[in-house]
């Protein structure tokens, strides 16, 4: 991500330029998390594959 110092552009999951009216409408809350969404970096798991691996391990333990 190339974000230059003093740049006034939004950068997804990083910065957002909001006007005073938006801040006023948000009860003067200036917390970044109120305006910038957090990127979802969670790994997607295949439940069927995981269940098969668990069943195989349980069978081996018995």
Protein backbone atom coordinates (compact mmCIF):
# COMPACT_ATOMS: atom_id res chain seq x y z
CA UNK A 1 0.00 0.00 0.00
CA UNK A 2 1.44 3.32 -1.03
CA UNK A 3 0.13 6.06 1.26
CA UNK A 4 2.03 9.31 1.06
CA UNK A 5 2.40 11.53 4.10
CA UNK A 6 -0.21 14.31 4.12
CA UNK A 7 -2.21 12.67 1.34
CA UNK A 8 -5.94 13.38 1.63
CA UNK A 9 -7.20 10.18 0.00
CA UNK A 10 -9.07 7.28 1.52
CA UNK A 11 -7.14 4.01 1.74
CA UNK A 12 -9.35 0.97 2.29
CA UNK A 13 -8.89 -0.56 5.77
CA UNK A 14 -6.42 2.24 6.63
CA UNK A 15 -7.75 5.81 6.38
CA UNK A 16 -10.94 7.69 5.58
CA UNK A 17 -11.43 11.41 5.22
CA UNK A 18 -14.71 12.45 6.85
CA UNK A 19 -16.27 15.88 6.98
CA UNK A 20 -17.29 17.74 10.13
CA UNK A 21 -20.99 17.02 9.51
CA UNK A 22 -20.34 13.27 9.59
CA UNK A 23 -18.43 13.62 12.87
CA UNK A 24 -21.23 15.75 14.33
CA UNK A 25 -23.83 13.19 13.24
CA UNK A 26 -21.73 10.53 14.99
CA UNK A 27 -21.89 12.40 18.33
CA UNK A 28 -18.39 13.86 17.85
CA UNK A 29 -16.86 10.39 18.04
CA UNK A 30 -13.46 10.60 16.34
CA UNK A 31 -12.40 7.00 16.95
CA UNK A 32 -10.86 5.60 13.77
CA UNK A 33 -12.87 2.41 14.15
CA UNK A 34 -16.06 4.46 13.70
CA UNK A 35 -15.10 5.33 10.12
CA UNK A 36 -12.56 2.73 8.92
CA UNK A 37 -13.60 -0.90 8.51
CA UNK A 38 -11.20 -3.57 9.77
CA UNK A 39 -9.95 -5.98 7.11
CA UNK A 40 -11.07 -9.56 7.68
CA UNK A 41 -7.88 -11.65 7.54
CA UNK A 42 -9.34 -14.83 9.00
CA UNK A 43 -8.55 -18.06 7.20
CA UNK A 44 -11.53 -19.85 5.70
CA UNK A 45 -11.70 -23.46 6.88
CA UNK A 46 -13.32 -26.36 5.04
CA UNK A 47 -15.43 -27.91 7.82
CA UNK A 48 -16.00 -31.15 5.90
CA UNK A 49 -12.25 -31.65 5.48
CA UNK A 50 -11.59 -30.84 9.14
CA UNK A 51 -14.27 -33.29 10.31
CA UNK A 52 -12.75 -36.02 8.13
CA UNK A 53 -9.30 -35.38 9.64
CA UNK A 54 -10.73 -35.48 13.17
CA UNK A 55 -12.55 -38.75 12.45
CA UNK A 56 -9.32 -40.25 11.08
CA UNK A 57 -7.36 -39.18 14.19
CA UNK A 58 -10.05 -40.52 16.54
CA UNK A 59 -10.10 -43.85 14.67
CA UNK A 60 -6.31 -44.07 14.97
CA UNK A 61 -6.48 -43.38 18.74
CA UNK A 62 -8.93 -46.27 19.30
